[in-house]
Protein backbone atom coordinates (compact mmCIF):
# COMPACT_ATOMS: atom_id res chain seq x y z
CA MET A 1 -38.73 108.69 -88.66
CA GLY A 2 -36.15 108.65 -86.05
CA LEU A 3 -33.05 106.65 -85.83
CA LEU A 4 -34.26 104.59 -82.91
CA SER A 5 -37.54 103.58 -84.45
CA LYS A 6 -38.33 99.88 -84.69
CA ARG A 7 -40.34 100.09 -87.84
CA LYS A 8 -38.71 99.05 -90.99
CA LYS A 9 -38.47 101.42 -93.78
CA GLY A 10 -40.82 100.79 -96.57
CA VAL A 11 -43.34 98.77 -94.53
CA ALA A 12 -46.47 100.69 -93.84
CA LEU A 13 -48.94 99.62 -91.19
CA THR A 14 -52.57 99.57 -92.01
CA ASP A 15 -55.35 100.27 -89.57
CA GLY A 16 -55.97 97.43 -87.05
CA GLU A 17 -52.75 95.71 -87.90
CA LYS A 18 -50.22 95.25 -85.15
CA PRO A 19 -46.56 95.42 -85.83
CA ALA A 20 -44.97 91.98 -86.00
CA SER A 21 -42.56 91.29 -83.21
CA GLY A 22 -39.41 89.28 -83.64
CA LEU A 23 -40.99 86.25 -81.91
CA SER A 24 -43.19 83.91 -83.78
CA ILE A 25 -46.22 82.38 -82.07
CA PRO A 26 -45.92 78.59 -81.79
CA PRO A 27 -48.63 76.45 -83.26
CA ALA A 28 -51.34 75.21 -80.87
CA PRO A 29 -50.61 71.78 -79.36
CA SER A 30 -52.79 68.84 -80.17
CA ALA A 31 -55.05 67.14 -77.59
CA THR A 32 -52.80 64.06 -77.28
CA GLU A 33 -49.81 66.26 -76.65
CA LEU A 34 -51.72 68.15 -73.96
CA ALA A 35 -52.81 64.83 -72.39
CA LEU A 36 -49.21 63.57 -72.36
CA ILE A 37 -47.99 66.79 -70.77
CA ALA A 38 -50.68 66.63 -68.10
CA GLU A 39 -49.95 62.95 -67.40
CA ARG A 40 -46.25 63.64 -67.10
CA GLU A 41 -46.92 66.47 -64.65
CA THR A 42 -49.21 64.29 -62.51
CA THR A 43 -46.75 61.40 -62.49
CA THR A 44 -43.88 63.69 -61.48
CA THR A 45 -45.96 65.17 -58.67
CA GLN A 46 -46.98 61.67 -57.57
CA ALA A 47 -43.34 60.56 -57.69
CA ARG A 48 -42.31 63.59 -55.60
CA LYS A 49 -45.06 62.82 -53.06
CA ALA A 50 -44.06 59.14 -52.93
CA LYS A 51 -40.38 60.04 -52.46
CA LYS A 52 -41.28 62.48 -49.70
CA ALA A 53 -43.50 59.89 -48.02
CA GLU A 54 -40.72 57.30 -48.24
CA THR A 55 -38.17 59.66 -46.69
CA ASN A 56 -40.66 60.55 -43.94
CA TYR A 57 -41.23 56.84 -43.27
CA ARG A 58 -37.47 56.18 -43.08
CA VAL A 59 -36.96 59.14 -40.76
CA LYS A 60 -39.78 57.93 -38.49
CA ARG A 61 -38.42 54.39 -38.43
CA GLN A 62 -34.89 55.54 -37.67
CA ALA A 63 -36.14 57.95 -35.01
CA THR A 64 -38.04 55.11 -33.32
CA ARG A 65 -34.94 52.94 -33.41
CA ALA A 66 -32.83 55.81 -32.06
CA ARG A 67 -35.28 56.34 -29.17
CA THR A 68 -35.16 52.64 -28.20
CA GLU A 69 -31.36 52.60 -28.41
CA ARG A 70 -31.19 55.75 -26.31
CA ALA A 71 -33.42 54.21 -23.66
CA ALA A 72 -31.34 51.03 -23.62
CA ALA A 73 -28.12 53.03 -23.33
CA LYS A 74 -29.60 55.11 -20.53
CA THR A 75 -30.57 52.05 -18.48
CA HIS A 76 -27.23 50.40 -19.21
CA LEU A 77 -25.30 53.46 -18.08
CA GLY A 78 -27.44 53.75 -14.96
CA ASN A 79 -26.79 50.12 -14.06
CA SER A 80 -23.09 50.43 -14.82
CA ILE A 81 -22.79 53.50 -12.59
CA LYS A 82 -24.53 51.67 -9.74
CA GLU A 83 -22.31 48.62 -10.19
CA PHE A 84 -19.21 50.82 -10.40
CA ARG A 85 -20.13 52.55 -7.15
CA SER A 86 -20.77 49.26 -5.38
CA GLY A 87 -17.49 47.86 -6.74
CA ILE A 88 -15.55 50.88 -5.53
CA GLY A 89 -17.20 50.58 -2.11
CA ALA A 90 -16.41 46.87 -1.87
CA SER A 91 -12.81 47.50 -2.93
CA ALA A 92 -12.43 50.26 -0.35
CA ARG A 93 -13.82 48.02 2.41
CA ALA A 94 -11.52 45.19 1.32
CA ILE A 95 -8.50 47.48 1.43
CA TRP A 96 -9.61 48.92 4.79
CA LEU A 97 -9.89 45.43 6.33
CA LEU A 98 -6.88 43.88 4.60
CA HIS A 99 -4.70 44.06 7.69
CA TYR A 100 -7.07 41.67 9.49
CA CYS A 101 -6.59 39.09 6.75
CA LEU A 102 -2.83 39.52 6.98
CA ARG A 103 -2.90 39.14 10.77
CA GLU A 104 -4.94 35.96 10.46
CA ARG A 105 -2.56 34.56 7.88
CA MET A 106 0.47 35.37 10.02
CA ALA A 107 -1.16 33.79 13.07
CA GLY A 108 -1.96 30.69 11.04
CA LYS A 109 1.62 30.48 9.83
CA ASP A 110 2.92 30.65 13.39
CA GLY A 111 0.62 27.79 14.36
CA THR A 112 1.70 25.70 11.41
CA LYS A 113 5.35 26.44 12.15
CA GLU A 114 4.91 25.27 15.71
CA LYS A 115 3.04 22.16 14.58
CA LYS A 116 5.73 21.32 12.04
CA GLN A 117 8.44 21.88 14.64
CA LEU A 118 6.62 19.56 17.06
CA GLU A 119 6.27 16.91 14.37
CA ARG A 120 9.97 17.16 13.52
CA THR A 121 11.03 16.83 17.14
CA GLU A 122 8.64 13.92 17.60
CA THR A 123 10.08 12.06 14.61
CA LYS A 124 13.64 12.78 15.81
CA ARG A 125 12.74 11.49 19.27
CA LYS A 126 11.25 8.30 17.82
CA LYS A 127 14.34 7.72 15.68
CA LEU A 128 16.60 8.23 18.66
CA GLU A 129 14.50 5.84 20.76
CA GLU A 130 14.76 3.21 18.03
CA LYS A 131 18.53 3.71 17.88
CA MET A 132 18.70 3.39 21.66
CA LYS A 133 16.71 0.14 21.58
CA LYS A 134 18.95 -1.24 18.85
CA ALA A 135 22.06 -0.22 20.78
CA GLU A 136 20.71 -1.82 23.96
CA GLU A 137 19.87 -4.99 22.06
CA LYS A 138 23.42 -5.11 20.66
CA ILE A 139 24.86 -4.63 24.13
CA GLU A 140 22.71 -7.42 25.53
CA LYS A 141 23.69 -9.72 22.66
CA LYS A 142 27.36 -9.02 23.33
CA LYS A 143 26.85 -9.67 27.03
CA ALA A 144 25.14 -12.95 26.23
CA GLU A 145 27.99 -13.99 23.94
CA ILE A 146 30.74 -13.22 26.46
CA PRO A 147 31.13 -16.03 29.04
CA PRO A 148 30.85 -14.89 32.61
CA GLU A 149 34.16 -14.66 34.46
CA ASP A 150 32.78 -14.62 37.89
CA PRO A 151 29.27 -16.03 38.12
CA GLU A 152 28.79 -14.78 41.66
CA LYS A 153 29.52 -11.15 40.76
CA GLU A 154 27.30 -11.41 37.77
CA ALA A 155 24.43 -12.81 39.81
CA GLU A 156 24.81 -9.96 42.27
CA ALA A 157 24.85 -7.39 39.44
CA GLU A 158 21.71 -8.87 37.97
CA ALA A 159 20.00 -8.94 41.34
CA ALA A 160 20.79 -5.36 41.99
């Protein structure tokens, strides 16, 4: 025999006998053990299917929610763009026509200035008239208090 031979020395093989390998054959499992193994395999496959179905359901639900949010955002952005454009247009028109508002305001101020000036002059005139009346009344009182020196001259002055 050669050096690389797997047979042991001193063990002779008989006809029909196979050489024993290093591995031993395990004993056959019982029926209950086979049933438990089969049940465990079916439950694990069912659990995998249920987990996959649950993830698919979640993905579908989130995709539906994402689509509705996308549609809402799209309409919101569309409306905001329209409103922004109209706001910019209104602002531009307001700026373009601002000088008319300023002219109107300045014209109104001139009118109010003139009115106030007229009111002031009117009140001053009334005050002066009142002072004049009071002064005339004082003069007449003084004339009434002073006895006439020459009644003839006084009568002529009053007649004239």
